[in-house]
Amino acid sequence: MIHFFTALIILLLTCFVSFYVMANASLADKSTPSKQESRLIEEQKFIDRTAPYIQTRQRQDKILASITLAQMILESDWGKSRLASKYHNYFGVKSWSNDTKKSVKLETSEFTDGKWIKVKGNFAVYKNWQTSVYQHNRLFLKGTTWNKNQYKAVLDAKNYVDGAQALVKSAYATDPDYASKIIRIIKKYYLNIYD
């Protein structure tokens, strides 16, 4: 009887070890993510890193976090654009300062007279991405020098579709497809869960 239990234990241990080895071999094959998986992981890390602060700003400034996140993603190419990665400007905010510590001149694309053109623009320089978000929200809250209520419709938006359309109606961007791009990003990454 003892030999039976010993044989049974050895059989069970052998099965367990075999299962363990096969499972680890299977995991080892999948331990290197594909380029697409790596990109998705990096994109989610970007969202996870920025969303909490943007949600804090939403509570204070009443600007939908989904709109801010989508704009940040679109305008900075996930923080990889030169303007974002080197100068911490994630929204393409322009500057009229001549101080090289506060402004940088870079080439950009603008949609004018029905076509895309390359132009040089002065852009604000920030100390970090949080300051970029803060200043972006100030623009919406204070408006422009010629119209303090320019972005009132963005502030009043109750959902991301209305918010994205309000950006275009408020002349935030020159891109005629800006609202649809923002909506598409929000839908793809479920950014409305952060509102």
C-alpha atoms as a PDB file:
ATOM      1  CA  MET A   1       0.000   0.000   0.000  1.00  0.00           C
ATOM      2  CA  ILE A   2       2.885   2.341   0.804  1.00  0.00           C
ATOM      3  CA  HIS A   3       4.428   1.640  -2.612  1.00  0.00           C
ATOM      4  CA  PHE A   4       1.093   2.550  -4.245  1.00  0.00           C
ATOM      5  CA  PHE A   5       0.989   5.957  -2.482  1.00  0.00           C
ATOM      6  CA  THR A   6       4.677   6.567  -3.258  1.00  0.00           C
ATOM      7  CA  ALA A   7       4.081   5.760  -6.923  1.00  0.00           C
ATOM      8  CA  LEU A   8       0.977   7.970  -6.931  1.00  0.00           C
ATOM      9  CA  ILE A   9       2.894  10.887  -5.403  1.00  0.00           C
ATOM     10  CA  ILE A  10       5.731  10.461  -7.923  1.00  0.00           C
ATOM     11  CA  LEU A  11       3.199  10.338 -10.767  1.00  0.00           C
ATOM     12  CA  LEU A  12       1.447  13.486  -9.504  1.00  0.00           C
ATOM     13  CA  LEU A  13       4.777  15.307  -9.044  1.00  0.00           C
ATOM     14  CA  THR A  14       5.859  14.305 -12.543  1.00  0.00           C
ATOM     15  CA  CYS A  15       2.579  15.604 -13.982  1.00  0.00           C
ATOM     16  CA  PHE A  16       2.913  18.835 -12.004  1.00  0.00           C
ATOM     17  CA  VAL A  17       6.528  19.384 -13.119  1.00  0.00           C
ATOM     18  CA  SER A  18       5.601  18.639 -16.748  1.00  0.00           C
ATOM     19  CA  PHE A  19       2.683  21.081 -16.576  1.00  0.00           C
ATOM     20  CA  TYR A  20       4.906  23.714 -14.944  1.00  0.00           C
ATOM     21  CA  VAL A  21       7.622  23.342 -17.613  1.00  0.00           C
ATOM     22  CA  MET A  22       5.090  23.508 -20.477  1.00  0.00           C
ATOM     23  CA  ALA A  23       3.335  26.529 -18.953  1.00  0.00           C
ATOM     24  CA  ASN A  24       6.604  28.402 -18.517  1.00  0.00           C
ATOM     25  CA  ALA A  25       7.683  27.529 -22.053  1.00  0.00           C
ATOM     26  CA  SER A  26       4.365  28.840 -23.336  1.00  0.00           C
ATOM     27  CA  LEU A  27       4.755  32.048 -21.326  1.00  0.00           C
ATOM     28  CA  ALA A  28       8.328  32.468 -22.521  1.00  0.00           C
ATOM     29  CA  ASP A  29       7.083  32.405 -26.111  1.00  0.00           C
ATOM     30  CA  LYS A  30       4.704  35.256 -25.267  1.00  0.00           C
ATOM     31  CA  SER A  31       7.026  37.271 -23.033  1.00  0.00           C
ATOM     32  CA  THR A  32       8.176  39.457 -25.928  1.00  0.00           C
ATOM     33  CA  PRO A  33       5.223  41.565 -27.010  1.00  0.00           C
ATOM     34  CA  SER A  34       4.672  42.413 -30.663  1.00  0.00           C
ATOM     35  CA  LYS A  35       5.207  45.970 -31.905  1.00  0.00           C
ATOM     36  CA  GLN A  36       1.467  46.580 -31.786  1.00  0.00           C
ATOM     37  CA  GLU A  37       1.217  45.210 -28.236  1.00  0.00           C
ATOM     38  CA  SER A  38       4.188  47.347 -27.165  1.00  0.00           C
ATOM     39  CA  ARG A  39       2.579  50.434 -28.716  1.00  0.00           C
ATOM     40  CA  LEU A  40      -0.730  49.752 -26.942  1.00  0.00           C
ATOM     41  CA  ILE A  41       1.075  49.231 -23.638  1.00  0.00           C
ATOM     42  CA  GLU A  42       2.931  52.549 -24.054  1.00  0.00           C
ATOM     43  CA  GLU A  43      -0.285  54.349 -24.976  1.00  0.00           C
ATOM     44  CA  GLN A  44      -2.063  52.988 -21.902  1.00  0.00           C
ATOM     45  CA  LYS A  45       0.896  54.010 -19.727  1.00  0.00           C
ATOM     46  CA  PHE A  46       0.588  57.534 -21.135  1.00  0.00           C
ATOM     47  CA  ILE A  47      -3.115  57.621 -20.252  1.00  0.00           C
ATOM     48  CA  ASP A  48      -2.508  56.133 -16.793  1.00  0.00           C
ATOM     49  CA  ARG A  49       0.217  58.705 -16.095  1.00  0.00           C
ATOM     50  CA  THR A  50      -1.706  61.783 -17.245  1.00  0.00           C
ATOM     51  CA  ALA A  51      -5.353  60.993 -16.423  1.00  0.00           C
ATOM     52  CA  PRO A  52      -5.253  61.521 -12.631  1.00  0.00           C
ATOM     53  CA  TYR A  53      -3.961  65.090 -12.934  1.00  0.00           C
ATOM     54  CA  ILE A  54      -6.343  65.858 -15.793  1.00  0.00           C
ATOM     55  CA  GLN A  55      -9.240  64.548 -13.703  1.00  0.00           C
ATOM     56  CA  THR A  56      -8.149  66.838 -10.863  1.00  0.00           C
ATOM     57  CA  ARG A  57      -8.187  69.748 -13.311  1.00  0.00           C
ATOM     58  CA  GLN A  58     -11.658  68.680 -14.517  1.00  0.00           C
ATOM     59  CA  ARG A  59     -13.010  68.871 -10.967  1.00  0.00           C
ATOM     60  CA  GLN A  60     -11.592  72.385 -10.605  1.00  0.00           C
ATOM     61  CA  ASP A  61     -11.990  73.785 -14.116  1.00  0.00           C
ATOM     62  CA  LYS A  62     -15.085  71.847 -15.346  1.00  0.00           C
ATOM     63  CA  ILE A  63     -13.430  70.846 -18.644  1.00  0.00           C
ATOM     64  CA  LEU A  64     -14.143  67.238 -19.586  1.00  0.00           C
ATOM     65  CA  ALA A  65     -11.098  65.047 -18.929  1.00  0.00           C
ATOM     66  CA  SER A  66     -11.838  63.024 -22.075  1.00  0.00           C
ATOM     67  CA  ILE A  67     -11.532  66.154 -24.207  1.00  0.00           C
ATOM     68  CA  THR A  68      -8.263  67.214 -22.577  1.00  0.00           C
ATOM     69  CA  LEU A  69      -6.790  63.700 -22.823  1.00  0.00           C
ATOM     70  CA  ALA A  70      -7.780  63.317 -26.474  1.00  0.00           C
ATOM     71  CA  GLN A  71      -6.384  66.739 -27.371  1.00  0.00           C
ATOM     72  CA  MET A  72      -3.165  65.940 -25.550  1.00  0.00           C
ATOM     73  CA  ILE A  73      -2.833  62.620 -27.401  1.00  0.00           C
ATOM     74  CA  LEU A  74      -3.652  64.091 -30.808  1.00  0.00           C
ATOM     75  CA  GLU A  75      -1.602  67.260 -30.562  1.00  0.00           C
ATOM     76  CA  SER A  76       1.497  65.756 -28.955  1.00  0.00           C
ATOM     77  CA  ASP A  77       1.470  62.343 -30.667  1.00  0.00           C
ATOM     78  CA  TRP A  78       1.369  60.634 -27.271  1.00  0.00           C
ATOM     79  CA  GLY A  79       4.000  63.034 -25.917  1.00  0.00           C
ATOM     80  CA  LYS A  80       6.476  62.110 -28.664  1.00  0.00           C
ATOM     81  CA  SER A  81       6.353  65.315 -30.715  1.00  0.00           C
ATOM     82  CA  ARG A  82       9.363  67.592 -30.417  1.00  0.00           C
ATOM     83  CA  LEU A  83       7.206  70.351 -28.947  1.00  0.00           C
ATOM     84  CA  ALA A  84       5.946  68.011 -26.212  1.00  0.00           C
ATOM     85  CA  SER A  85       9.055  65.939 -25.494  1.00  0.00           C
ATOM     86  CA  LYS A  86      11.536  68.825 -25.457  1.00  0.00           C
ATOM     87  CA  TYR A  87       9.425  71.853 -24.529  1.00  0.00           C
ATOM     88  CA  HIS A  88       6.566  70.237 -22.539  1.00  0.00           C
ATOM     89  CA  ASN A  89       3.931  71.909 -24.727  1.00  0.00           C
ATOM     90  CA  TYR A  90       1.352  69.162 -25.334  1.00  0.00           C
ATOM     91  CA  PHE A  91      -1.345  71.306 -26.973  1.00  0.00           C
ATOM     92  CA  GLY A  92       0.485  73.446 -29.502  1.00  0.00           C
ATOM     93  CA  VAL A  93      -0.174  76.587 -27.448  1.00  0.00           C
ATOM     94  CA  LYS A  94       1.244  79.622 -29.207  1.00  0.00           C
ATOM     95  CA  SER A  95       3.353  82.281 -27.508  1.00  0.00           C
ATOM     96  CA  TRP A  96       3.971  85.937 -28.231  1.00  0.00           C
ATOM     97  CA  SER A  97       7.006  86.153 -25.961  1.00  0.00           C
ATOM     98  CA  ASN A  98      10.451  86.909 -27.381  1.00  0.00           C
ATOM     99  CA  ASP A  99      12.082  85.276 -24.339  1.00  0.00           C
ATOM    100  CA  THR A 100      13.775  82.063 -25.554  1.00  0.00           C
ATOM    101  CA  LYS A 101      13.114  80.451 -22.152  1.00  0.00           C
ATOM    102  CA  LYS A 102       9.369  80.948 -22.612  1.00  0.00           C
ATOM    103  CA  SER A 103       9.014  80.538 -26.375  1.00  0.00           C
ATOM    104  CA  VAL A 104      10.398  78.474 -29.239  1.00  0.00           C
ATOM    105  CA  LYS A 105       9.963  78.910 -32.996  1.00  0.00           C
ATOM    106  CA  LEU A 106       9.022  75.676 -34.783  1.00  0.00           C
ATOM    107  CA  GLU A 107       7.475  74.662 -38.087  1.00  0.00           C
ATOM    108  CA  THR A 108       3.839  73.588 -37.948  1.00  0.00           C
ATOM    109  CA  SER A 109       0.977  72.805 -40.302  1.00  0.00           C
ATOM    110  CA  GLU A 110      -2.088  75.034 -40.542  1.00  0.00           C
ATOM    111  CA  PHE A 111      -5.224  74.519 -42.605  1.00  0.00           C
ATOM    112  CA  THR A 112      -5.779  77.749 -44.528  1.00  0.00           C
ATOM    113  CA  ASP A 113      -7.908  78.480 -47.592  1.00  0.00           C
ATOM    114  CA  GLY A 114      -8.831  74.819 -48.014  1.00  0.00           C
ATOM    115  CA  LYS A 115      -5.308  73.403 -47.889  1.00  0.00           C
ATOM    116  CA  TRP A 116      -2.557  72.467 -45.473  1.00  0.00           C
ATOM    117  CA  ILE A 117       0.454  74.785 -45.411  1.00  0.00           C
ATOM    118  CA  LYS A 118       3.716  74.793 -43.417  1.00  0.00           C
ATOM    119  CA  VAL A 119       4.338  77.869 -41.299  1.00  0.00           C
ATOM    120  CA  LYS A 120       6.747  78.885 -38.549  1.00  0.00           C
ATOM    121  CA  GLY A 121       5.097  79.559 -35.241  1.00  0.00           C
ATOM    122  CA  ASN A 122       6.132  80.713 -31.786  1.00  0.00           C
ATOM    123  CA  PHE A 123       5.107  78.148 -29.188  1.00  0.00           C
ATOM    124  CA  ALA A 124       5.040  78.348 -25.419  1.00  0.00           C
ATOM    125  CA  VAL A 125       7.686  76.479 -23.435  1.00  0.00           C
ATOM    126  CA  TYR A 126       6.664  74.910 -20.112  1.00  0.00           C
ATOM    127  CA  LYS A 127       8.600  73.373 -17.243  1.00  0.00           C
ATOM    128  CA  ASN A 128       6.517  70.160 -17.284  1.00  0.00           C
ATOM    129  CA  TRP A 129       3.441  68.582 -18.863  1.00  0.00           C
ATOM    130  CA  GLN A 130       1.242  69.500 -15.886  1.00  0.00           C
ATOM    131  CA  THR A 131       1.915  73.197 -16.514  1.00  0.00           C
ATOM    132  CA  SER A 132       0.960  72.637 -20.140  1.00  0.00           C
ATOM    133  CA  VAL A 133      -2.404  71.159 -19.071  1.00  0.00           C
ATOM    134  CA  TYR A 134      -2.946  73.966 -16.566  1.00  0.00           C
ATOM    135  CA  GLN A 135      -2.242  76.692 -19.160  1.00  0.00           C
ATOM    136  CA  HIS A 136      -4.389  74.917 -21.764  1.00  0.00           C
ATOM    137  CA  ASN A 137      -7.301  74.990 -19.332  1.00  0.00           C
ATOM    138  CA  ARG A 138      -6.632  78.678 -18.535  1.00  0.00           C
ATOM    139  CA  LEU A 139      -7.102  79.419 -22.244  1.00  0.00           C
ATOM    140  CA  PHE A 140     -10.546  77.814 -22.171  1.00  0.00           C
ATOM    141  CA  LEU A 141     -11.481  79.507 -18.883  1.00  0.00           C
ATOM    142  CA  LYS A 142     -10.239  83.013 -19.744  1.00  0.00           C
ATOM    143  CA  GLY A 143     -10.784  83.012 -23.497  1.00  0.00           C
ATOM    144  CA  THR A 144      -8.738  85.145 -25.830  1.00  0.00           C
ATOM    145  CA  THR A 145      -7.821  88.816 -25.582  1.00  0.00           C
ATOM    146  CA  TRP A 146     -10.451  89.581 -28.231  1.00  0.00           C
ATOM    147  CA  ASN A 147     -13.201  87.305 -26.820  1.00  0.00           C
ATOM    148  CA  LYS A 148     -13.186  86.182 -23.186  1.00  0.00           C
ATOM    149  CA  ASN A 149     -16.151  83.850 -23.884  1.00  0.00           C
ATOM    150  CA  GLN A 150     -14.622  82.233 -26.968  1.00  0.00           C
ATOM    151  CA  TYR A 151     -14.573  78.746 -25.407  1.00  0.00           C
ATOM    152  CA  LYS A 152     -17.787  78.989 -23.365  1.00  0.00           C
ATOM    153  CA  ALA A 153     -19.392  76.199 -25.427  1.00  0.00           C
ATOM    154  CA  VAL A 154     -16.456  73.897 -24.585  1.00  0.00           C
ATOM    155  CA  LEU A 155     -16.894  74.667 -20.890  1.00  0.00           C
ATOM    156  CA  ASP A 156     -20.664  74.121 -21.105  1.00  0.00           C
ATOM    157  CA  ALA A 157     -20.389  70.760 -22.910  1.00  0.00           C
ATOM    158  CA  LYS A 158     -22.000  67.916 -20.962  1.00  0.00           C
ATOM    159  CA  ASN A 159     -20.514  65.138 -23.111  1.00  0.00           C
ATOM    160  CA  TYR A 160     -17.441  64.608 -25.250  1.00  0.00           C
ATOM    161  CA  VAL A 161     -19.267  64.805 -28.605  1.00  0.00           C
ATOM    162  CA  ASP A 162     -20.622  68.269 -27.770  1.00  0.00           C
ATOM    163  CA  GLY A 163     -17.221  69.233 -26.358  1.00  0.00           C
ATOM    164  CA  ALA A 164     -15.337  68.158 -29.485  1.00  0.00           C
ATOM    165  CA  GLN A 165     -17.778  69.973 -31.765  1.00  0.00           C
ATOM    166  CA  ALA A 166     -17.545  73.067 -29.564  1.00  0.00           C
ATOM    167  CA  LEU A 167     -13.771  73.115 -30.077  1.00  0.00           C
ATOM    168  CA  VAL A 168     -14.273  73.528 -33.815  1.00  0.00           C
ATOM    169  CA  LYS A 169     -17.127  76.034 -33.486  1.00  0.00           C
ATOM    170  CA  SER A 170     -14.959  78.054 -31.083  1.00  0.00           C
ATOM    171  CA  ALA A 171     -12.138  78.148 -33.660  1.00  0.00           C
ATOM    172  CA  TYR A 172      -9.709  76.286 -31.404  1.00  0.00           C
ATOM    173  CA  ALA A 173      -8.077  74.447 -34.325  1.00  0.00           C
ATOM    174  CA  THR A 174      -7.745  75.116 -38.045  1.00  0.00           C
ATOM    175  CA  ASP A 175      -8.180  71.409 -38.924  1.00  0.00           C
ATOM    176  CA  PRO A 176     -11.738  70.915 -40.295  1.00  0.00           C
ATOM    177  CA  ASP A 177     -11.636  67.272 -39.104  1.00  0.00           C
ATOM    178  CA  TYR A 178     -10.493  68.172 -35.589  1.00  0.00           C
ATOM    179  CA  ALA A 179     -13.770  67.252 -33.848  1.00  0.00           C
ATOM    180  CA  SER A 180     -14.036  63.862 -35.555  1.00  0.00           C
ATOM    181  CA  LYS A 181     -10.394  63.074 -34.677  1.00  0.00           C
ATOM    182  CA  ILE A 182     -11.005  63.938 -31.020  1.00  0.00           C
ATOM    183  CA  ILE A 183     -14.203  61.852 -30.927  1.00  0.00           C
ATOM    184  CA  ARG A 184     -12.462  58.904 -32.602  1.00  0.00           C
ATOM    185  CA  ILE A 185      -9.617  58.956 -30.024  1.00  0.00           C
ATOM    186  CA  ILE A 186     -12.067  59.140 -27.119  1.00  0.00           C
ATOM    187  CA  LYS A 187     -14.070  56.202 -28.467  1.00  0.00           C
ATOM    188  CA  LYS A 188     -11.022  54.074 -29.299  1.00  0.00           C
ATOM    189  CA  TYR A 189      -9.436  54.440 -25.858  1.00  0.00           C
ATOM    190  CA  TYR A 190     -12.684  54.779 -23.840  1.00  0.00           C
ATOM    191  CA  LEU A 191     -11.472  58.119 -22.485  1.00  0.00           C
ATOM    192  CA  ASN A 192     -15.011  59.103 -21.447  1.00  0.00           C
ATOM    193  CA  ILE A 193     -14.595  56.816 -18.404  1.00  0.00           C
ATOM    194  CA  TYR A 194     -12.325  59.544 -16.981  1.00  0.00           C
ATOM    195  CA  ASP A 195     -15.074  62.204 -17.092  1.00  0.00           C
END
